[in-house]
Amino acid sequence: MVYVAAIRNAEQNKHAGADKDFNDAKAQYVQALLDSRKKEEELYADGKDKMAACVYGDDNKVDQIIADALNELHPVGEKFIPCIEAFEAAKEAYLKQKTEAGNANAEKCREAIKEAKKQPEILADMLQTGLMDRKNIWQVKTKIEEGDAIVKETENLMDSLYGEIEKWAAVEVLKSSGEASRSELRSQASKIVDMKTEPLKVAYGHYQDAYNLTEDAVVKRDCQNKMHALDDALQGYNDMVMDVVNNEIYKVDSNKKAEIEDVLRIYHDFSTKIESLAKKMELDSTEVNREPGKAGERLDGLMTLLHSHWERDCSLRLQLHVALDQTFTNENMP
C-alpha cells in the first residue's frame, strides 16, 4: 500500500508540475503581450507627433518615421522567447504523462506557442497600419493647407491683373482690325489668364487628391466646396479679362465711328456751302444722309454742277475777248 501511494503521489506531483509550468508560461505570455503592446502604443504616439511636425512635401521624412518606428518595435519579439520556452517545457511535461488529458494539454501548449510566435508580426501590422492611417490624415491635411496657401498667394498676384490687361488691351486693340484679328486678340487674352491662373489649377489638384484620400465626409465636403470656389474664381478671372478686352474694342470702334461721323458732318457742311455759292442762293442746312453711297452721289452731283458753271464761265470769257477784239479793230485801236 505504501508503494502504491508513493506512485500515486509521484503522478500527482508530475501533473502538478506540468500545470505549474503551463500557468507560469501563460503569465509570462500575458506580461510579454502587455509590455509589447505598451511599446507599440508608445511608438505610435511618437510617430504621430513627429508626423504632425512635418509639412507638405515631407513624404520621404514621413516614410522614414514609419520605418524607424517599425525597427524600434522589432526587439519586442525577444520578450516572447521566455514564454515560448516555458510552453515548450510544459508541453514536454504533459507528453511525459502519456495520458489523454496530458496529450490534450500538450496540444494547448502547441497552440499557445503558435500564438506567441505570431504576436510580434501582429503588433508590427498594428503599428504599421496605425501609422499609415496617420500618414493618410497628414497627407489630406497638408494637401489642403498647401492648396489654401497657393490660392491666397495667387489671389494677391491676381489683384494686379485688371490693370495689366487694361494696358495690354489698349495697345493691342489699336493694332487689330477685322473680326479675325479681334478673335485672335481674345484668344491671347485667354492664354494670359490661363498662364496667370496655372497655380490655381495646381491647388485644385491638391484639393482633389485630399478628397480622394479621405473617408471623412466633412473633409470631403470641404474639399468639394474649395474646388467649386476655384471653378468660380477661374471663370470670374476669364470673364473679367474678356470684359476688359471687349470694352477696349468698343471704345476704339466708338472713337473710329465718331471720327467718321465728324468727317461726314464736315464734308456735308462744306458741300452745302459750295452748292450755295454755285447756285448763288443760301441753302437751308439739312441732315446728313448716312445711307450707303449717298455721300458719293452728292459729291458727283456737286462736281457736275461746278463743271457746268466752269464751262459757262469759260464760254462767257471767250465771248468777252472776241467782242473786245472786234471793238478794237473797228475803232482802229492798237
Protein backbone atom coordinates (compact mmCIF):
# COMPACT_ATOMS: atom_id res chain seq x y z
CA MET A 1 0.00 0.00 0.00
CA VAL A 2 2.81 2.35 0.80
CA TYR A 3 4.34 1.62 -2.60
CA VAL A 4 1.09 2.29 -4.45
CA ALA A 5 0.58 5.53 -2.55
CA ALA A 6 4.06 6.67 -3.42
CA ILE A 7 3.46 6.03 -7.10
CA ARG A 8 0.13 7.90 -6.92
CA ASN A 9 1.76 10.87 -5.21
CA ALA A 10 4.54 10.91 -7.81
CA GLU A 11 1.98 11.01 -10.60
CA GLN A 12 0.07 13.80 -8.89
CA ASN A 13 3.26 15.80 -8.44
CA LYS A 14 4.09 15.23 -12.11
CA HIS A 15 0.68 16.58 -13.12
CA ALA A 16 1.03 19.48 -10.74
CA GLY A 17 4.47 20.29 -12.12
CA ALA A 18 3.22 20.36 -15.73
CA ASP A 19 0.23 22.53 -14.80
CA LYS A 20 2.53 24.91 -12.92
CA ASP A 21 4.83 25.19 -15.96
CA PHE A 22 1.81 25.87 -18.16
CA ASN A 23 0.40 28.54 -15.82
CA ASP A 24 3.83 30.15 -15.46
CA ALA A 25 4.15 30.19 -19.25
CA LYS A 26 0.73 31.86 -19.59
CA ALA A 27 1.69 34.50 -17.05
CA GLN A 28 4.91 35.22 -18.94
CA TYR A 29 2.95 35.41 -22.20
CA VAL A 30 0.45 37.90 -20.77
CA GLN A 31 3.26 40.06 -19.39
CA ALA A 32 5.17 39.93 -22.69
CA LEU A 33 2.00 40.88 -24.55
CA LEU A 34 1.28 43.81 -22.21
CA ASP A 35 4.85 45.10 -22.47
CA SER A 36 4.88 44.73 -26.25
CA ARG A 37 1.54 46.46 -26.75
CA LYS A 38 2.65 49.29 -24.48
CA LYS A 39 5.77 49.68 -26.62
CA GLU A 40 3.65 49.65 -29.79
CA GLU A 41 1.38 52.36 -28.38
CA GLU A 42 4.37 54.48 -27.39
CA LEU A 43 5.91 54.17 -30.84
CA TYR A 44 2.56 55.00 -32.46
CA ALA A 45 2.13 58.14 -30.32
CA ASP A 46 5.72 59.22 -31.02
CA GLY A 47 5.32 58.66 -34.76
CA LYS A 48 2.02 60.55 -34.77
CA ASP A 49 3.65 63.56 -33.06
CA LYS A 50 6.61 63.52 -35.45
CA MET A 51 4.29 63.43 -38.48
CA ALA A 52 2.32 66.37 -37.11
CA ALA A 53 5.51 68.43 -37.26
CA CYS A 54 6.07 67.61 -40.94
CA VAL A 55 4.96 69.96 -43.72
CA TYR A 56 3.82 69.50 -47.31
CA GLY A 57 6.49 67.74 -49.35
CA ASP A 58 7.95 65.80 -46.41
CA ASP A 59 6.66 62.46 -47.73
CA ASN A 60 10.08 60.80 -47.54
CA LYS A 61 10.51 62.06 -44.00
CA VAL A 62 7.15 60.61 -43.00
CA ASP A 63 8.05 57.25 -44.58
CA GLN A 64 11.29 57.26 -42.59
CA ILE A 65 9.35 57.94 -39.36
CA ILE A 66 7.25 54.83 -40.05
CA ALA A 67 10.32 52.73 -40.89
CA ASP A 68 12.14 53.86 -37.73
CA ALA A 69 9.13 53.03 -35.56
CA LEU A 70 8.88 49.51 -37.03
CA ASN A 71 12.61 48.97 -36.46
CA GLU A 72 12.26 50.03 -32.83
CA LEU A 73 9.38 47.61 -32.38
CA HIS A 74 11.35 44.66 -33.75
CA PRO A 75 13.10 43.77 -30.43
CA VAL A 76 9.75 43.08 -28.73
CA GLY A 77 9.89 39.65 -30.34
CA GLU A 78 12.53 38.75 -27.76
CA LYS A 79 10.01 39.35 -24.98
CA PHE A 80 8.07 36.27 -26.12
CA ILE A 81 11.06 33.89 -26.11
CA PRO A 82 10.86 33.05 -22.38
CA CYS A 83 7.14 32.25 -22.53
CA ILE A 84 7.62 30.17 -25.68
CA GLU A 85 10.34 28.18 -23.92
CA ALA A 86 8.09 27.79 -20.89
CA PHE A 87 5.24 26.47 -23.08
CA GLU A 88 7.71 24.02 -24.67
CA ALA A 89 8.72 22.77 -21.23
CA ALA A 90 5.08 22.42 -20.18
CA LYS A 91 4.31 20.56 -23.41
CA GLU A 92 7.10 18.05 -22.79
CA ALA A 93 5.91 17.59 -19.23
CA TYR A 94 2.36 16.88 -20.41
CA LEU A 95 3.58 14.45 -23.05
CA LYS A 96 5.53 12.52 -20.42
CA GLN A 97 2.27 11.85 -18.62
CA LYS A 98 1.28 9.63 -21.54
CA THR A 99 -2.39 10.23 -20.85
CA GLU A 100 -5.24 11.52 -22.92
CA ALA A 101 -5.53 14.59 -20.71
CA GLY A 102 -1.80 15.15 -20.93
CA ASN A 103 -1.87 14.96 -24.74
CA ALA A 104 -4.80 17.43 -24.81
CA ASN A 105 -2.87 19.86 -22.59
CA ALA A 106 0.23 19.41 -24.76
CA GLU A 107 -1.88 20.48 -27.75
CA LYS A 108 -2.92 23.57 -25.83
CA CYS A 109 0.77 24.34 -25.34
CA ARG A 110 1.40 23.99 -29.06
CA GLU A 111 -1.43 26.45 -29.83
CA ALA A 112 -0.08 28.87 -27.21
CA ILE A 113 3.39 28.65 -28.78
CA LYS A 114 1.93 29.44 -32.24
CA GLU A 115 0.00 32.40 -30.80
CA ALA A 116 3.07 33.75 -29.01
CA LYS A 117 5.21 33.46 -32.13
CA LYS A 118 2.59 35.42 -34.14
CA GLN A 119 2.41 38.36 -31.72
CA PRO A 120 5.49 40.30 -32.96
CA GLU A 121 4.09 40.24 -36.52
CA ILE A 122 0.59 41.17 -35.33
CA LEU A 123 1.99 44.10 -33.33
CA ALA A 124 4.11 45.24 -36.29
CA ASP A 125 1.00 45.13 -38.53
CA MET A 126 -0.95 47.12 -35.94
CA LEU A 127 1.77 49.76 -35.72
CA GLN A 128 2.24 50.00 -39.48
CA THR A 129 -1.49 50.19 -40.13
CA GLY A 130 -1.93 52.86 -37.46
CA LEU A 131 0.95 54.97 -38.74
CA MET A 132 -0.15 54.57 -42.37
CA ASP A 133 -3.57 55.83 -41.34
CA ARG A 134 -1.87 58.81 -39.68
CA LYS A 135 0.14 59.36 -42.87
CA ASN A 136 -3.10 59.43 -44.82
CA ILE A 137 -4.54 62.02 -42.43
CA TRP A 138 -1.30 64.01 -42.64
CA GLN A 139 -1.40 63.94 -46.45
CA VAL A 140 -5.00 65.15 -46.53
CA LYS A 141 -4.22 67.94 -44.07
CA THR A 142 -1.04 69.15 -45.78
CA LYS A 143 -2.54 68.98 -49.28
CA ILE A 144 -5.44 71.16 -48.18
CA GLU A 145 -3.05 73.56 -46.43
CA GLU A 146 -0.80 73.75 -49.49
CA GLY A 147 -3.82 74.36 -51.73
CA ASP A 148 -5.01 77.15 -49.43
CA ALA A 149 -1.55 78.76 -49.43
CA ILE A 150 -1.37 78.67 -53.25
CA VAL A 151 -4.84 80.18 -53.58
CA LYS A 152 -4.03 83.01 -51.18
CA GLU A 153 -0.73 83.82 -52.89
CA THR A 154 -2.26 83.68 -56.36
CA GLU A 155 -5.20 85.89 -55.37
CA ASN A 156 -2.72 88.54 -54.21
CA LEU A 157 -0.93 88.37 -57.56
CA MET A 158 -4.21 88.46 -59.49
CA ASP A 159 -5.16 91.78 -57.91
CA SER A 160 -2.90 93.49 -60.46
CA LEU A 161 -4.27 91.53 -63.43
CA TYR A 162 -7.02 94.03 -64.27
CA GLY A 163 -4.61 96.94 -64.67
CA GLU A 164 -2.13 94.82 -66.65
CA ILE A 165 -4.80 93.62 -69.08
CA GLU A 166 -6.14 97.16 -69.50
CA LYS A 167 -2.70 98.44 -70.54
CA TRP A 168 -2.12 95.43 -72.79
CA ALA A 169 -5.53 95.72 -74.46
CA ALA A 170 -5.14 99.48 -75.02
CA VAL A 171 -2.05 98.79 -77.14
CA GLU A 172 -3.07 95.56 -78.86
CA VAL A 173 -6.63 96.55 -79.83
CA LEU A 174 -5.33 99.55 -81.76
CA LYS A 175 -3.14 97.18 -83.79
CA SER A 176 -6.03 94.86 -84.62
CA SER A 177 -8.55 95.21 -87.42
CA GLY A 178 -11.30 92.90 -88.52
CA GLU A 179 -13.14 90.20 -86.64
CA ALA A 180 -10.43 87.59 -87.23
CA SER A 181 -7.75 89.67 -85.54
CA ARG A 182 -10.15 90.59 -82.74
CA SER A 183 -10.88 86.90 -82.19
CA GLU A 184 -7.16 86.18 -82.04
CA LEU A 185 -6.80 89.01 -79.52
CA ARG A 186 -9.41 87.44 -77.26
CA SER A 187 -7.63 84.10 -77.58
CA GLN A 188 -4.35 85.71 -76.50
CA ALA A 189 -6.09 87.29 -73.52
CA SER A 190 -7.49 83.90 -72.53
CA LYS A 191 -3.98 82.40 -72.70
CA ILE A 192 -2.70 85.16 -70.42
CA VAL A 193 -5.38 84.23 -67.89
CA ASP A 194 -4.50 80.53 -68.20
CA MET A 195 -0.84 81.29 -67.53
CA LYS A 196 -1.57 83.57 -64.59
CA THR A 197 -4.03 81.12 -63.00
CA GLU A 198 -1.92 77.99 -63.51
CA PRO A 199 -1.13 77.83 -59.76
CA LEU A 200 -4.87 77.70 -59.02
CA LYS A 201 -5.10 74.55 -61.13
CA VAL A 202 -2.30 73.06 -59.03
CA ALA A 203 -4.26 73.98 -55.90
CA TYR A 204 -7.33 72.34 -57.43
CA GLY A 205 -5.27 69.16 -57.85
CA HIS A 206 -4.30 69.24 -54.16
CA TYR A 207 -7.95 69.52 -53.13
CA GLN A 208 -8.86 66.68 -55.49
CA ASP A 209 -6.10 64.46 -54.04
CA ALA A 210 -7.26 65.23 -50.50
CA TYR A 211 -10.85 64.41 -51.49
CA ASN A 212 -9.76 61.04 -52.90
CA LEU A 213 -7.57 60.17 -49.90
CA THR A 214 -10.00 60.90 -47.08
CA GLU A 215 -13.00 58.91 -45.93
CA ASP A 216 -14.20 61.73 -43.68
CA ALA A 217 -17.49 63.09 -45.07
CA VAL A 218 -16.90 66.54 -43.56
CA VAL A 219 -13.43 66.82 -45.11
CA LYS A 220 -14.75 65.60 -48.45
CA ARG A 221 -17.45 68.29 -48.40
CA ASP A 222 -14.86 70.93 -47.51
CA CYS A 223 -12.68 69.84 -50.45
CA GLN A 224 -15.67 69.95 -52.79
CA ASN A 225 -16.53 73.48 -51.66
CA LYS A 226 -12.94 74.61 -52.25
CA MET A 227 -12.92 73.07 -55.75
CA HIS A 228 -16.23 74.72 -56.64
CA ALA A 229 -14.89 78.06 -55.38
CA LEU A 230 -11.84 77.67 -57.62
CA ASP A 231 -14.04 76.87 -60.62
CA ASP A 232 -15.97 80.07 -59.98
CA ALA A 233 -12.77 82.08 -59.49
CA LEU A 234 -11.21 80.80 -62.73
CA GLN A 235 -14.38 81.62 -64.65
CA GLY A 236 -14.54 85.02 -62.97
CA TYR A 237 -10.96 85.91 -63.96
CA ASN A 238 -11.62 84.84 -67.55
CA ASP A 239 -14.87 86.86 -67.69
CA MET A 240 -13.10 89.90 -66.25
CA VAL A 241 -10.35 89.78 -68.87
CA MET A 242 -12.86 89.31 -71.70
CA ASP A 243 -14.82 92.31 -70.40
CA VAL A 244 -11.67 94.45 -70.40
CA VAL A 245 -10.79 93.45 -73.98
CA ASN A 246 -14.35 93.87 -75.26
CA ASN A 247 -14.67 97.27 -73.57
CA GLU A 248 -11.43 98.40 -75.18
CA ILE A 249 -12.63 97.15 -78.59
CA TYR A 250 -15.92 99.01 -78.12
CA LYS A 251 -14.09 102.18 -77.11
CA VAL A 252 -11.76 102.05 -80.12
CA ASP A 253 -14.63 101.30 -82.51
CA SER A 254 -16.69 104.12 -80.99
CA ASN A 255 -13.83 106.56 -81.48
CA LYS A 256 -13.41 105.48 -85.08
CA LYS A 257 -17.14 105.85 -85.68
CA ALA A 258 -17.06 109.30 -84.10
CA GLU A 259 -14.15 110.28 -86.35
CA ILE A 260 -16.03 109.07 -89.42
CA GLU A 261 -19.13 110.92 -88.26
CA ASP A 262 -17.08 114.10 -87.80
CA VAL A 263 -15.62 113.82 -91.31
CA LEU A 264 -19.03 113.17 -92.80
CA ARG A 265 -20.52 116.19 -90.99
CA ILE A 266 -17.65 118.45 -92.10
CA TYR A 267 -17.98 117.26 -95.68
CA HIS A 268 -21.75 117.76 -95.61
CA ASP A 269 -21.44 121.31 -94.31
CA PHE A 270 -18.71 122.12 -96.83
CA SER A 271 -20.65 120.68 -99.75
CA THR A 272 -23.74 122.64 -98.70
CA LYS A 273 -21.74 125.89 -98.70
CA ILE A 274 -20.20 125.11 -102.11
CA GLU A 275 -23.61 124.32 -103.54
CA SER A 276 -24.95 127.58 -102.11
CA LEU A 277 -22.15 129.54 -103.80
CA ALA A 278 -22.66 127.70 -107.08
CA LYS A 279 -26.37 128.33 -107.11
CA LYS A 280 -25.89 131.87 -105.74
CA MET A 281 -28.50 131.29 -103.06
CA GLU A 282 -28.47 130.34 -99.40
CA LEU A 283 -29.48 126.74 -98.92
CA ASP A 284 -31.02 125.51 -95.73
CA SER A 285 -28.89 123.10 -93.68
CA THR A 286 -30.09 119.52 -93.99
CA GLU A 287 -29.46 116.38 -92.03
CA VAL A 288 -26.52 114.19 -93.01
CA ASN A 289 -27.70 111.37 -95.26
CA ARG A 290 -25.96 108.26 -93.93
CA GLU A 291 -27.34 105.83 -96.47
CA PRO A 292 -24.58 103.85 -98.22
CA GLY A 293 -23.39 105.65 -101.41
CA LYS A 294 -25.36 108.85 -100.78
CA ALA A 295 -22.28 110.89 -99.92
CA GLY A 296 -20.67 109.82 -103.21
CA GLU A 297 -23.81 110.67 -105.18
CA ARG A 298 -23.92 114.10 -103.54
CA LEU A 299 -20.27 114.69 -104.44
CA ASP A 300 -20.85 113.61 -108.07
CA GLY A 301 -23.86 115.95 -108.36
CA LEU A 302 -21.89 118.80 -106.84
CA MET A 303 -18.97 118.22 -109.22
CA THR A 304 -21.35 118.19 -112.20
CA LEU A 305 -22.85 121.49 -111.05
CA LEU A 306 -19.41 123.03 -110.59
CA HIS A 307 -18.28 121.75 -114.00
CA SER A 308 -21.30 123.26 -115.77
CA HIS A 309 -20.63 126.59 -114.05
CA TRP A 310 -16.98 126.38 -115.05
CA GLU A 311 -17.92 125.73 -118.73
CA ARG A 312 -20.37 128.64 -118.69
CA ASP A 313 -17.72 130.96 -117.24
CA CYS A 314 -15.22 129.82 -119.87
CA SER A 315 -17.76 130.47 -122.68
CA LEU A 316 -18.55 133.97 -121.32
CA ARG A 317 -14.86 134.84 -121.07
CA LEU A 318 -14.30 133.71 -124.66
CA GLN A 319 -17.24 135.81 -125.91
CA LEU A 320 -15.92 138.80 -123.97
CA HIS A 321 -12.47 138.50 -125.57
CA VAL A 322 -13.95 138.20 -129.07
CA ALA A 323 -16.17 141.27 -128.55
CA LEU A 324 -13.27 143.33 -127.21
CA ASP A 325 -11.06 142.35 -130.16
CA GLN A 326 -13.77 143.35 -132.62
CA THR A 327 -14.28 146.69 -130.86
CA PHE A 328 -10.59 147.49 -131.01
CA THR A 329 -10.50 146.56 -134.69
CA ASN A 330 -13.47 148.78 -135.56
CA GLU A 331 -12.02 151.75 -133.73
CA ASN A 332 -8.58 151.24 -135.27
CA MET A 333 -7.22 150.91 -131.78
CA PRO A 334 -3.96 149.16 -131.32
